[in-house]
Amino acid sequence: MIKLSERLQSIADEINQGETMADIGTDHGLLPIYLYKTGKCPKVILTDISKPSLEKAVEDTKTYHSEGDYDFRLGSGIEVLEKSEVDAVAIAGMGGILMTEILGKDIEKTYSFKKLILQPRSHVGRLRYWLLKNGFSVVNEKLVREGKYIWEILTVIPNEKCFDRRTEEDDIEFEYPFTLLKYDSPLLEEYLNQRLAKEKEKLELKKMSKIQDFKVIRTQKHRIEYLDYLLKEFYEGKQNEGK
């Protein structure tokens, strides 16, 4: 039996019984193999732009589930999928900006899938901004530990309602949205404190620069104040739960 990492298991848990799925950039293929072998997904598609990676996934299917009927496709992003071909598309372990490029290359095709499960390794704020600007809703968000890192997992559906407030893609509210408090992950306090410490480190480095940009420093101070506010709301919420 395959035992997934906590990160991959959290992604698997976002897929419902009977849904079909495609794993973009599948690499070793463990996520779709697990979903197919356990009977959760009647159909899985394993895709990768790298031939060696896809060959690795082929070998893993032989190791873990040699009798399975797996669909392997070599190519970039969702280009190898047809519209509405699967219910769920998983993209994990890539940068958030790369994810926006993959999803935006054929937006109509992206709209045709019922859900996206996205686990970015960087630029999660840019990814959230793009999703909201292009008519997707984040319906669930998880924090999951892998090694020394805490990663975000976004479950997203198309809703045809675009975000139209005048904001910038680098605004901190997209990196750390207020909805994190709503989903209330057990890792949230640690996650916010980690990010706050990093933002404070960045501020000190900016202050030590020989050429100081006061607009940049002011923006950095705002980021710290925003995270302080989120943590305050988090702690107040916990206190109210205890009453």
C-alpha atoms as a PDB file:
ATOM      1  CA  MET A   1       0.000   0.000   0.000  1.00  0.00           C
ATOM      2  CA  ILE A   2       1.200   3.491  -0.838  1.00  0.00           C
ATOM      3  CA  LYS A   3       1.593   5.859   2.098  1.00  0.00           C
ATOM      4  CA  LEU A   4       1.435   9.441   0.930  1.00  0.00           C
ATOM      5  CA  SER A   5       3.217  12.327   2.580  1.00  0.00           C
ATOM      6  CA  GLU A   6       0.994  14.615   4.639  1.00  0.00           C
ATOM      7  CA  ARG A   7       1.104  17.152   1.806  1.00  0.00           C
ATOM      8  CA  LEU A   8      -0.034  14.707  -0.862  1.00  0.00           C
ATOM      9  CA  GLN A   9      -2.613  13.140   1.447  1.00  0.00           C
ATOM     10  CA  SER A  10      -4.112  16.567   2.067  1.00  0.00           C
ATOM     11  CA  ILE A  11      -4.438  17.049  -1.695  1.00  0.00           C
ATOM     12  CA  ALA A  12      -5.976  13.583  -2.092  1.00  0.00           C
ATOM     13  CA  ASP A  13      -8.534  14.405   0.612  1.00  0.00           C
ATOM     14  CA  GLU A  14      -9.833  17.307  -1.498  1.00  0.00           C
ATOM     15  CA  ILE A  15     -10.971  14.889  -4.204  1.00  0.00           C
ATOM     16  CA  ASN A  16     -14.360  13.243  -3.720  1.00  0.00           C
ATOM     17  CA  GLN A  17     -15.213   9.592  -4.193  1.00  0.00           C
ATOM     18  CA  GLY A  18     -15.939   8.857  -7.840  1.00  0.00           C
ATOM     19  CA  GLU A  19     -14.312  11.955  -9.291  1.00  0.00           C
ATOM     20  CA  THR A  20     -11.867  11.669 -12.169  1.00  0.00           C
ATOM     21  CA  MET A  21      -8.597  13.601 -11.942  1.00  0.00           C
ATOM     22  CA  ALA A  22      -5.467  14.713 -13.745  1.00  0.00           C
ATOM     23  CA  ASP A  23      -2.140  15.341 -12.020  1.00  0.00           C
ATOM     24  CA  ILE A  24      -0.175  18.045 -13.831  1.00  0.00           C
ATOM     25  CA  GLY A  25       3.583  17.693 -13.377  1.00  0.00           C
ATOM     26  CA  THR A  26       3.046  14.301 -11.806  1.00  0.00           C
ATOM     27  CA  ASP A  27       6.757  13.457 -11.350  1.00  0.00           C
ATOM     28  CA  HIS A  28       6.732  10.173  -9.358  1.00  0.00           C
ATOM     29  CA  GLY A  29       2.963   9.771  -9.846  1.00  0.00           C
ATOM     30  CA  LEU A  30       2.223   8.706  -6.262  1.00  0.00           C
ATOM     31  CA  LEU A  31      -0.865  10.909  -5.856  1.00  0.00           C
ATOM     32  CA  PRO A  32      -2.833   9.557  -8.858  1.00  0.00           C
ATOM     33  CA  ILE A  33      -1.607   6.011  -8.219  1.00  0.00           C
ATOM     34  CA  TYR A  34      -2.968   6.206  -4.681  1.00  0.00           C
ATOM     35  CA  LEU A  35      -6.292   7.670  -5.826  1.00  0.00           C
ATOM     36  CA  TYR A  36      -6.767   5.014  -8.494  1.00  0.00           C
ATOM     37  CA  LYS A  37      -5.529   2.047  -6.496  1.00  0.00           C
ATOM     38  CA  THR A  38      -7.768   2.850  -3.520  1.00  0.00           C
ATOM     39  CA  GLY A  39     -10.774   3.133  -5.822  1.00  0.00           C
ATOM     40  CA  LYS A  40     -11.428   6.784  -5.058  1.00  0.00           C
ATOM     41  CA  CYS A  41     -10.902   7.855  -8.678  1.00  0.00           C
ATOM     42  CA  PRO A  42     -12.125   5.629 -11.532  1.00  0.00           C
ATOM     43  CA  LYS A  43      -9.856   7.460 -13.974  1.00  0.00           C
ATOM     44  CA  VAL A  44      -6.553   9.271 -13.496  1.00  0.00           C
ATOM     45  CA  ILE A  45      -4.325  11.036 -16.005  1.00  0.00           C
ATOM     46  CA  LEU A  46      -0.617  11.478 -15.217  1.00  0.00           C
ATOM     47  CA  THR A  47       1.045  14.302 -17.134  1.00  0.00           C
ATOM     48  CA  ASP A  48       4.514  15.791 -17.150  1.00  0.00           C
ATOM     49  CA  ILE A  49       6.566  18.000 -19.446  1.00  0.00           C
ATOM     50  CA  SER A  50       9.640  15.913 -18.541  1.00  0.00           C
ATOM     51  CA  LYS A  51       9.966  12.522 -20.224  1.00  0.00           C
ATOM     52  CA  PRO A  52      12.277  11.141 -17.483  1.00  0.00           C
ATOM     53  CA  SER A  53       9.758  12.200 -14.827  1.00  0.00           C
ATOM     54  CA  LEU A  54       6.900  10.551 -16.690  1.00  0.00           C
ATOM     55  CA  GLU A  55       8.973   7.397 -17.103  1.00  0.00           C
ATOM     56  CA  LYS A  56       9.536   7.439 -13.342  1.00  0.00           C
ATOM     57  CA  ALA A  57       5.759   7.546 -12.855  1.00  0.00           C
ATOM     58  CA  VAL A  58       5.366   4.604 -15.248  1.00  0.00           C
ATOM     59  CA  GLU A  59       7.837   2.596 -13.175  1.00  0.00           C
ATOM     60  CA  ASP A  60       5.998   3.490  -9.978  1.00  0.00           C
ATOM     61  CA  THR A  61       2.706   2.208 -11.376  1.00  0.00           C
ATOM     62  CA  LYS A  62       4.444  -1.098 -12.093  1.00  0.00           C
ATOM     63  CA  THR A  63       5.766  -1.171  -8.526  1.00  0.00           C
ATOM     64  CA  TYR A  64       2.566  -0.228  -6.713  1.00  0.00           C
ATOM     65  CA  HIS A  65      -0.285  -1.236  -9.032  1.00  0.00           C
ATOM     66  CA  SER A  66       0.878  -3.156 -12.074  1.00  0.00           C
ATOM     67  CA  GLU A  67      -2.649  -4.228 -13.044  1.00  0.00           C
ATOM     68  CA  GLY A  68      -3.948  -0.640 -13.145  1.00  0.00           C
ATOM     69  CA  ASP A  69      -5.034   1.095 -16.341  1.00  0.00           C
ATOM     70  CA  TYR A  70      -3.155   4.403 -16.180  1.00  0.00           C
ATOM     71  CA  ASP A  71      -3.210   7.200 -18.746  1.00  0.00           C
ATOM     72  CA  PHE A  72       0.217   8.816 -19.229  1.00  0.00           C
ATOM     73  CA  ARG A  73       0.629  11.982 -21.281  1.00  0.00           C
ATOM     74  CA  LEU A  74       3.806  13.846 -22.106  1.00  0.00           C
ATOM     75  CA  GLY A  75       3.326  17.570 -22.528  1.00  0.00           C
ATOM     76  CA  SER A  76       3.005  21.010 -20.986  1.00  0.00           C
ATOM     77  CA  GLY A  77       0.360  21.840 -18.414  1.00  0.00           C
ATOM     78  CA  ILE A  78      -3.268  21.306 -19.365  1.00  0.00           C
ATOM     79  CA  GLU A  79      -2.457  21.298 -23.082  1.00  0.00           C
ATOM     80  CA  VAL A  80      -2.589  17.491 -23.027  1.00  0.00           C
ATOM     81  CA  LEU A  81      -6.136  17.462 -21.606  1.00  0.00           C
ATOM     82  CA  GLU A  82      -9.446  17.908 -23.403  1.00  0.00           C
ATOM     83  CA  LYS A  83     -12.131  20.280 -22.138  1.00  0.00           C
ATOM     84  CA  SER A  84     -14.124  18.761 -19.256  1.00  0.00           C
ATOM     85  CA  GLU A  85     -12.133  15.544 -19.564  1.00  0.00           C
ATOM     86  CA  VAL A  86     -11.744  15.198 -15.795  1.00  0.00           C
ATOM     87  CA  ASP A  87     -13.533  16.542 -12.739  1.00  0.00           C
ATOM     88  CA  ALA A  88     -10.466  17.660 -10.810  1.00  0.00           C
ATOM     89  CA  VAL A  89      -7.040  18.953 -11.815  1.00  0.00           C
ATOM     90  CA  ALA A  90      -4.209  18.866  -9.288  1.00  0.00           C
ATOM     91  CA  ILE A  91      -1.084  20.995  -9.670  1.00  0.00           C
ATOM     92  CA  ALA A  92       1.403  20.708  -6.842  1.00  0.00           C
ATOM     93  CA  GLY A  93       4.989  21.666  -6.102  1.00  0.00           C
ATOM     94  CA  MET A  94       5.316  24.445  -8.693  1.00  0.00           C
ATOM     95  CA  GLY A  95       5.622  28.186  -8.275  1.00  0.00           C
ATOM     96  CA  GLY A  96       2.399  30.168  -8.134  1.00  0.00           C
ATOM     97  CA  ILE A  97       3.335  32.305 -11.139  1.00  0.00           C
ATOM     98  CA  LEU A  98       3.979  29.208 -13.251  1.00  0.00           C
ATOM     99  CA  MET A  99       0.557  27.915 -12.205  1.00  0.00           C
ATOM    100  CA  THR A 100      -1.110  31.108 -13.470  1.00  0.00           C
ATOM    101  CA  GLU A 101       0.676  30.664 -16.797  1.00  0.00           C
ATOM    102  CA  ILE A 102      -0.462  27.043 -17.083  1.00  0.00           C
ATOM    103  CA  LEU A 103      -4.071  27.837 -16.198  1.00  0.00           C
ATOM    104  CA  GLY A 104      -4.209  31.034 -18.242  1.00  0.00           C
ATOM    105  CA  LYS A 105      -2.899  29.531 -21.470  1.00  0.00           C
ATOM    106  CA  ASP A 106      -6.360  28.160 -22.268  1.00  0.00           C
ATOM    107  CA  ILE A 107      -8.740  29.793 -19.805  1.00  0.00           C
ATOM    108  CA  GLU A 108     -11.866  28.266 -21.340  1.00  0.00           C
ATOM    109  CA  LYS A 109     -10.444  24.809 -20.847  1.00  0.00           C
ATOM    110  CA  THR A 110      -9.513  25.680 -17.275  1.00  0.00           C
ATOM    111  CA  TYR A 111     -13.097  26.812 -16.637  1.00  0.00           C
ATOM    112  CA  SER A 112     -14.347  23.428 -17.873  1.00  0.00           C
ATOM    113  CA  PHE A 113     -12.948  21.489 -14.913  1.00  0.00           C
ATOM    114  CA  LYS A 114     -15.112  21.304 -11.789  1.00  0.00           C
ATOM    115  CA  LYS A 115     -12.281  21.983  -9.367  1.00  0.00           C
ATOM    116  CA  LEU A 116      -8.586  22.745  -9.119  1.00  0.00           C
ATOM    117  CA  ILE A 117      -6.384  21.669  -6.223  1.00  0.00           C
ATOM    118  CA  LEU A 118      -3.309  23.886  -6.161  1.00  0.00           C
ATOM    119  CA  GLN A 119      -0.249  23.653  -3.913  1.00  0.00           C
ATOM    120  CA  PRO A 120       2.164  26.446  -4.836  1.00  0.00           C
ATOM    121  CA  ARG A 121       5.743  26.499  -3.554  1.00  0.00           C
ATOM    122  CA  SER A 122       6.049  30.254  -3.979  1.00  0.00           C
ATOM    123  CA  HIS A 123       4.061  33.392  -4.880  1.00  0.00           C
ATOM    124  CA  VAL A 124       0.796  32.181  -3.378  1.00  0.00           C
ATOM    125  CA  GLY A 125      -0.378  35.811  -3.242  1.00  0.00           C
ATOM    126  CA  ARG A 126       0.117  36.256  -6.980  1.00  0.00           C
ATOM    127  CA  LEU A 127      -1.767  33.006  -7.546  1.00  0.00           C
ATOM    128  CA  ARG A 128      -4.732  34.060  -5.373  1.00  0.00           C
ATOM    129  CA  TYR A 129      -4.860  37.431  -7.119  1.00  0.00           C
ATOM    130  CA  TRP A 130      -4.924  35.775 -10.547  1.00  0.00           C
ATOM    131  CA  LEU A 131      -7.622  33.311  -9.514  1.00  0.00           C
ATOM    132  CA  LEU A 132      -9.909  36.047  -8.165  1.00  0.00           C
ATOM    133  CA  LYS A 133      -9.304  38.303 -11.175  1.00  0.00           C
ATOM    134  CA  ASN A 134     -10.185  35.455 -13.530  1.00  0.00           C
ATOM    135  CA  GLY A 135     -13.402  34.231 -11.960  1.00  0.00           C
ATOM    136  CA  PHE A 136     -12.388  31.466  -9.549  1.00  0.00           C
ATOM    137  CA  SER A 137     -13.377  31.042  -5.914  1.00  0.00           C
ATOM    138  CA  VAL A 138     -11.227  29.497  -3.200  1.00  0.00           C
ATOM    139  CA  VAL A 139     -13.625  27.107  -1.422  1.00  0.00           C
ATOM    140  CA  ASN A 140     -11.118  25.529   0.923  1.00  0.00           C
ATOM    141  CA  GLU A 141      -7.634  26.290   2.110  1.00  0.00           C
ATOM    142  CA  LYS A 142      -5.317  24.115   4.154  1.00  0.00           C
ATOM    143  CA  LEU A 143      -1.927  24.526   5.731  1.00  0.00           C
ATOM    144  CA  VAL A 144       0.242  21.417   5.743  1.00  0.00           C
ATOM    145  CA  ARG A 145       3.705  20.720   7.055  1.00  0.00           C
ATOM    146  CA  GLU A 146       6.406  19.082   4.975  1.00  0.00           C
ATOM    147  CA  GLY A 147       9.820  19.049   6.608  1.00  0.00           C
ATOM    148  CA  LYS A 148      10.576  22.517   7.951  1.00  0.00           C
ATOM    149  CA  TYR A 149       8.093  24.209   5.635  1.00  0.00           C
ATOM    150  CA  ILE A 150       4.379  24.927   5.905  1.00  0.00           C
ATOM    151  CA  TRP A 151       2.634  24.935   2.530  1.00  0.00           C
ATOM    152  CA  GLU A 152      -0.759  26.222   1.408  1.00  0.00           C
ATOM    153  CA  ILE A 153      -3.236  24.022  -0.471  1.00  0.00           C
ATOM    154  CA  LEU A 154      -6.047  25.842  -2.291  1.00  0.00           C
ATOM    155  CA  THR A 155      -9.185  24.122  -3.565  1.00  0.00           C
ATOM    156  CA  VAL A 156     -10.708  26.294  -6.262  1.00  0.00           C
ATOM    157  CA  ILE A 157     -13.849  26.245  -8.408  1.00  0.00           C
ATOM    158  CA  PRO A 158     -14.856  28.410 -11.390  1.00  0.00           C
ATOM    159  CA  ASN A 159     -17.743  30.727 -10.542  1.00  0.00           C
ATOM    160  CA  GLU A 160     -17.753  33.221 -13.463  1.00  0.00           C
ATOM    161  CA  LYS A 161     -17.655  36.146 -11.014  1.00  0.00           C
ATOM    162  CA  CYS A 162     -14.485  38.160 -11.347  1.00  0.00           C
ATOM    163  CA  PHE A 163     -12.796  40.176  -8.644  1.00  0.00           C
ATOM    164  CA  ASP A 164     -12.861  43.828  -9.707  1.00  0.00           C
ATOM    165  CA  ARG A 165     -11.501  45.846  -6.765  1.00  0.00           C
ATOM    166  CA  ARG A 166      -8.578  48.110  -7.675  1.00  0.00           C
ATOM    167  CA  THR A 167      -5.682  46.336  -5.999  1.00  0.00           C
ATOM    168  CA  GLU A 168      -2.187  45.248  -6.894  1.00  0.00           C
ATOM    169  CA  GLU A 169      -1.127  41.623  -7.260  1.00  0.00           C
ATOM    170  CA  ASP A 170       1.561  42.102  -4.611  1.00  0.00           C
ATOM    171  CA  ASP A 171      -0.879  43.337  -1.956  1.00  0.00           C
ATOM    172  CA  ILE A 172      -0.347  41.413   1.265  1.00  0.00           C
ATOM    173  CA  GLU A 173      -4.048  40.553   1.585  1.00  0.00           C
ATOM    174  CA  PHE A 174      -3.573  38.034  -1.214  1.00  0.00           C
ATOM    175  CA  GLU A 175      -0.597  36.400   0.466  1.00  0.00           C
ATOM    176  CA  TYR A 176      -2.332  36.119   3.821  1.00  0.00           C
ATOM    177  CA  PRO A 177      -6.087  36.524   3.313  1.00  0.00           C
ATOM    178  CA  PHE A 178      -8.465  37.018   6.202  1.00  0.00           C
ATOM    179  CA  THR A 179     -10.121  33.723   5.194  1.00  0.00           C
ATOM    180  CA  LEU A 180      -7.163  31.891   6.736  1.00  0.00           C
ATOM    181  CA  LEU A 181      -8.867  32.598  10.060  1.00  0.00           C
ATOM    182  CA  LYS A 182     -12.077  31.077   8.729  1.00  0.00           C
ATOM    183  CA  TYR A 183     -10.439  27.759   7.824  1.00  0.00           C
ATOM    184  CA  ASP A 184      -8.604  27.715  11.189  1.00  0.00           C
ATOM    185  CA  SER A 185      -5.795  25.266  10.471  1.00  0.00           C
ATOM    186  CA  PRO A 186      -3.962  23.811  13.505  1.00  0.00           C
ATOM    187  CA  LEU A 187      -0.794  25.231  11.918  1.00  0.00           C
ATOM    188  CA  LEU A 188      -2.159  28.751  11.466  1.00  0.00           C
ATOM    189  CA  GLU A 189      -0.587  30.343  14.547  1.00  0.00           C
ATOM    190  CA  GLU A 190       2.845  28.919  13.718  1.00  0.00           C
ATOM    191  CA  TYR A 191       2.457  29.851  10.058  1.00  0.00           C
ATOM    192  CA  LEU A 192       1.551  33.479  10.756  1.00  0.00           C
ATOM    193  CA  ASN A 193       4.322  33.861  13.334  1.00  0.00           C
ATOM    194  CA  GLN A 194       6.872  32.407  10.887  1.00  0.00           C
ATOM    195  CA  ARG A 195       5.785  34.853   8.206  1.00  0.00           C
ATOM    196  CA  LEU A 196       5.781  37.756  10.652  1.00  0.00           C
ATOM    197  CA  ALA A 197       9.366  36.965  11.687  1.00  0.00           C
ATOM    198  CA  LYS A 198      10.439  36.901   8.023  1.00  0.00           C
ATOM    199  CA  GLU A 199       8.732  40.222   7.311  1.00  0.00           C
ATOM    200  CA  LYS A 200      10.514  41.794  10.301  1.00  0.00           C
ATOM    201  CA  GLU A 201      13.849  40.441   9.039  1.00  0.00           C
ATOM    202  CA  LYS A 202      13.159  42.027   5.653  1.00  0.00           C
ATOM    203  CA  LEU A 203      12.416  45.363   7.302  1.00  0.00           C
ATOM    204  CA  GLU A 204      15.713  45.328   9.198  1.00  0.00           C
ATOM    205  CA  LEU A 205      17.625  44.554   6.003  1.00  0.00           C
ATOM    206  CA  LYS A 206      15.891  47.405   4.193  1.00  0.00           C
ATOM    207  CA  LYS A 207      16.754  49.796   7.040  1.00  0.00           C
ATOM    208  CA  MET A 208      20.418  48.748   6.829  1.00  0.00           C
ATOM    209  CA  SER A 209      20.622  49.505   3.119  1.00  0.00           C
ATOM    210  CA  LYS A 210      22.970  52.349   2.179  1.00  0.00           C
ATOM    211  CA  ILE A 211      20.313  53.769  -0.136  1.00  0.00           C
ATOM    212  CA  GLN A 212      17.013  53.774   1.722  1.00  0.00           C
ATOM    213  CA  ASP A 213      13.739  53.875  -0.162  1.00  0.00           C
ATOM    214  CA  PHE A 214      11.241  55.215   2.365  1.00  0.00           C
ATOM    215  CA  LYS A 215       8.268  54.090   0.261  1.00  0.00           C
ATOM    216  CA  VAL A 216       9.595  50.528   0.332  1.00  0.00           C
ATOM    217  CA  ILE A 217      10.184  50.739   4.087  1.00  0.00           C
ATOM    218  CA  ARG A 218       6.662  52.084   4.623  1.00  0.00           C
ATOM    219  CA  THR A 219       5.217  49.220   2.580  1.00  0.00           C
ATOM    220  CA  GLN A 220       7.228  46.731   4.610  1.00  0.00           C
ATOM    221  CA  LYS A 221       5.951  48.236   7.864  1.00  0.00           C
ATOM    222  CA  HIS A 222       2.392  47.889   6.527  1.00  0.00           C
ATOM    223  CA  ARG A 223       2.987  44.197   5.869  1.00  0.00           C
ATOM    224  CA  ILE A 224       4.115  43.722   9.471  1.00  0.00           C
ATOM    225  CA  GLU A 225       1.125  45.656  10.816  1.00  0.00           C
ATOM    226  CA  TYR A 226      -1.225  43.539   8.708  1.00  0.00           C
ATOM    227  CA  LEU A 227       0.207  40.259  10.033  1.00  0.00           C
ATOM    228  CA  ASP A 228       0.078  41.640  13.585  1.00  0.00           C
ATOM    229  CA  TYR A 229      -3.594  42.364  12.972  1.00  0.00           C
ATOM    230  CA  LEU A 230      -4.288  38.840  11.707  1.00  0.00           C
ATOM    231  CA  LEU A 231      -2.582  37.332  14.738  1.00  0.00           C
ATOM    232  CA  LYS A 232      -4.557  39.618  17.055  1.00  0.00           C
ATOM    233  CA  GLU A 233      -7.790  38.477  15.410  1.00  0.00           C
ATOM    234  CA  PHE A 234      -6.645  34.867  15.685  1.00  0.00           C
ATOM    235  CA  TYR A 235      -5.947  35.139  19.415  1.00  0.00           C
ATOM    236  CA  GLU A 236      -9.189  36.995  20.112  1.00  0.00           C
ATOM    237  CA  GLY A 237     -11.099  34.303  18.255  1.00  0.00           C
ATOM    238  CA  LYS A 238      -9.486  31.604  20.373  1.00  0.00           C
ATOM    239  CA  GLN A 239     -10.351  33.493  23.552  1.00  0.00           C
ATOM    240  CA  ASN A 240     -13.983  33.823  22.488  1.00  0.00           C
ATOM    241  CA  GLU A 241     -14.143  30.086  21.745  1.00  0.00           C
ATOM    242  CA  GLY A 242     -13.119  29.401  25.335  1.00  0.00           C
ATOM    243  CA  LYS A 243     -15.903  31.493  26.862  1.00  0.00           C
END
